[in-house]
């Protein structure tokens, strides 16, 4: 199946889905050394996003979160790709700086279509999310 979406940061990424219906703050909410969600109040607490396709409604928090995403890419702890329902500047800037493929505004209700650990490809060159 393919779902069309808007391209935020070009590239392609493939991995197992890590999904949350809550926005995430990368500054103080994610450890860039390990890629683990460190915010004890977040549903993904303790889980690593390294190599995963992160599916979230959007981000929240300080603009410094963009640099946390960039640092994760340098540390090789970043997600393989990011799918947002509606991207905001913090995560979009971080994904672009880090070279992480990112899309948003999927034409389907992606939170209903995708589920945890499903393998997904994000083609942020063509604006398509692929899965079976």
Protein backbone atom coordinates (compact mmCIF):
# COMPACT_ATOMS: atom_id res chain seq x y z
CA UNK A 1 0.00 0.00 0.00
CA UNK A 2 1.12 3.56 -0.66
CA UNK A 3 0.07 6.75 1.07
CA UNK A 4 0.92 10.14 -0.44
CA UNK A 5 2.28 12.86 1.81
CA UNK A 6 4.20 16.14 1.81
CA UNK A 7 7.99 16.06 1.68
CA UNK A 8 9.79 17.88 4.50
CA UNK A 9 13.35 16.46 4.36
CA UNK A 10 14.42 14.52 1.26
CA UNK A 11 15.78 11.00 1.25
CA UNK A 12 14.53 7.49 1.83
CA UNK A 13 14.40 5.52 5.05
CA UNK A 14 13.14 2.10 6.01
CA UNK A 15 12.52 0.51 9.38
CA UNK A 16 10.01 -0.76 11.89
CA UNK A 17 7.40 1.70 13.07
CA UNK A 18 7.62 3.33 16.49
CA UNK A 19 4.35 5.18 16.98
CA UNK A 20 2.95 7.60 19.54
CA UNK A 21 -0.22 9.63 19.56
CA UNK A 22 1.55 12.25 21.70
CA UNK A 23 4.01 14.89 20.42
CA UNK A 24 7.60 14.56 21.56
CA UNK A 25 10.14 17.10 22.77
CA UNK A 26 13.67 16.20 21.70
CA UNK A 27 15.26 18.69 24.13
CA UNK A 28 15.13 16.95 27.49
CA UNK A 29 12.80 14.26 26.16
CA UNK A 30 15.29 12.19 24.16
CA UNK A 31 18.85 11.14 25.04
CA UNK A 32 20.98 11.85 21.94
CA UNK A 33 23.68 9.43 23.14
CA UNK A 34 21.34 6.41 23.12
CA UNK A 35 18.33 7.52 21.08
CA UNK A 36 16.06 6.53 23.98
CA UNK A 37 13.04 8.57 25.02
CA UNK A 38 14.01 9.91 28.44
CA UNK A 39 10.82 11.82 29.31
CA UNK A 40 9.22 9.64 32.03
CA UNK A 41 5.75 11.02 31.19
CA UNK A 42 5.92 10.12 27.48
CA UNK A 43 4.33 6.82 26.32
CA UNK A 44 7.57 5.87 24.52
CA UNK A 45 9.68 6.33 27.68
CA UNK A 46 12.72 4.05 27.74
CA UNK A 47 12.42 2.99 24.10
CA UNK A 48 15.09 3.66 21.48
CA UNK A 49 14.17 5.26 18.18
CA UNK A 50 17.51 4.30 16.58
CA UNK A 51 16.84 2.97 13.08
CA UNK A 52 13.06 3.09 13.54
CA UNK A 53 10.45 5.00 11.54
CA UNK A 54 9.14 7.45 14.12
CA UNK A 55 5.43 8.24 13.68
CA UNK A 56 4.16 11.16 15.79
CA UNK A 57 1.56 13.91 15.56
CA UNK A 58 4.33 16.53 15.80
CA UNK A 59 6.90 17.97 18.14
CA UNK A 60 6.94 20.36 21.03
CA UNK A 61 9.48 22.23 23.07
CA UNK A 62 12.53 24.38 22.50
CA UNK A 63 14.17 25.12 19.16
CA UNK A 64 17.30 23.50 20.61
CA UNK A 65 15.48 20.22 19.93
CA UNK A 66 16.62 20.60 16.29
CA UNK A 67 20.22 20.30 17.44
CA UNK A 68 19.39 17.23 19.54
CA UNK A 69 18.10 15.54 16.37
CA UNK A 70 21.28 16.59 14.54
CA UNK A 71 23.41 15.19 17.39
CA UNK A 72 21.47 11.91 17.25
CA UNK A 73 22.37 11.58 13.56
CA UNK A 74 26.05 12.20 14.37
CA UNK A 75 25.84 9.58 17.16
CA UNK A 76 24.03 7.12 14.84
CA UNK A 77 21.09 6.95 17.28
CA UNK A 78 18.55 8.79 15.08
CA UNK A 79 15.39 7.40 13.54
CA UNK A 80 15.66 6.05 9.98
CA UNK A 81 12.79 8.37 9.02
CA UNK A 82 10.10 10.54 10.60
CA UNK A 83 6.41 10.72 9.75
CA UNK A 84 4.45 13.58 11.36
CA UNK A 85 0.79 14.31 11.03
CA UNK A 86 1.66 17.99 10.93
CA UNK A 87 5.33 18.96 11.06
CA UNK A 88 6.41 22.00 12.99
CA UNK A 89 9.67 23.93 12.55
CA UNK A 90 11.64 22.29 15.38
CA UNK A 91 11.52 18.72 14.11
CA UNK A 92 11.53 19.78 10.44
CA UNK A 93 14.71 21.82 10.91
CA UNK A 94 16.37 19.01 12.86
CA UNK A 95 15.50 16.42 10.20
CA UNK A 96 16.79 18.66 7.40
CA UNK A 97 20.05 19.43 9.25
CA UNK A 98 20.55 15.75 10.10
CA UNK A 99 19.61 14.38 6.67
CA UNK A 100 16.76 12.29 8.09
CA UNK A 101 13.95 11.63 5.59
CA UNK A 102 10.77 13.26 6.88
CA UNK A 103 7.22 13.63 5.58
CA UNK A 104 3.97 14.99 6.94
CA UNK A 105 0.29 15.49 6.08
CA UNK A 106 -0.38 11.92 4.93
CA UNK A 107 -3.53 11.57 2.83
CA UNK A 108 -4.74 8.66 5.01
CA UNK A 109 -5.19 8.51 8.79
CA UNK A 110 -1.72 7.06 9.31
CA UNK A 111 -2.31 6.55 13.04
CA UNK A 112 -5.08 4.09 12.14
CA UNK A 113 -3.28 2.44 9.20
CA UNK A 114 0.17 1.85 10.72
CA UNK A 115 0.86 -0.16 13.84
CA UNK A 116 3.84 -0.77 16.08
CA UNK A 117 6.74 -2.76 14.57
CA UNK A 118 5.23 -2.80 11.05
CA UNK A 119 7.98 -2.35 8.45
CA UNK A 120 7.62 0.89 6.49
CA UNK A 121 9.53 2.72 3.80
CA UNK A 122 9.45 6.51 3.72
CA UNK A 123 10.25 7.81 0.25
CA UNK A 124 10.75 11.50 0.87
CA UNK A 125 11.91 11.97 -2.70
CA UNK A 126 8.47 11.13 -4.12
CA UNK A 127 6.32 11.90 -1.07
CA UNK A 128 5.17 8.34 -0.46
CA UNK A 129 4.93 6.05 2.57
CA UNK A 130 5.01 2.35 1.55
CA UNK A 131 3.95 -0.67 3.61
CA UNK A 132 2.09 -3.94 3.25
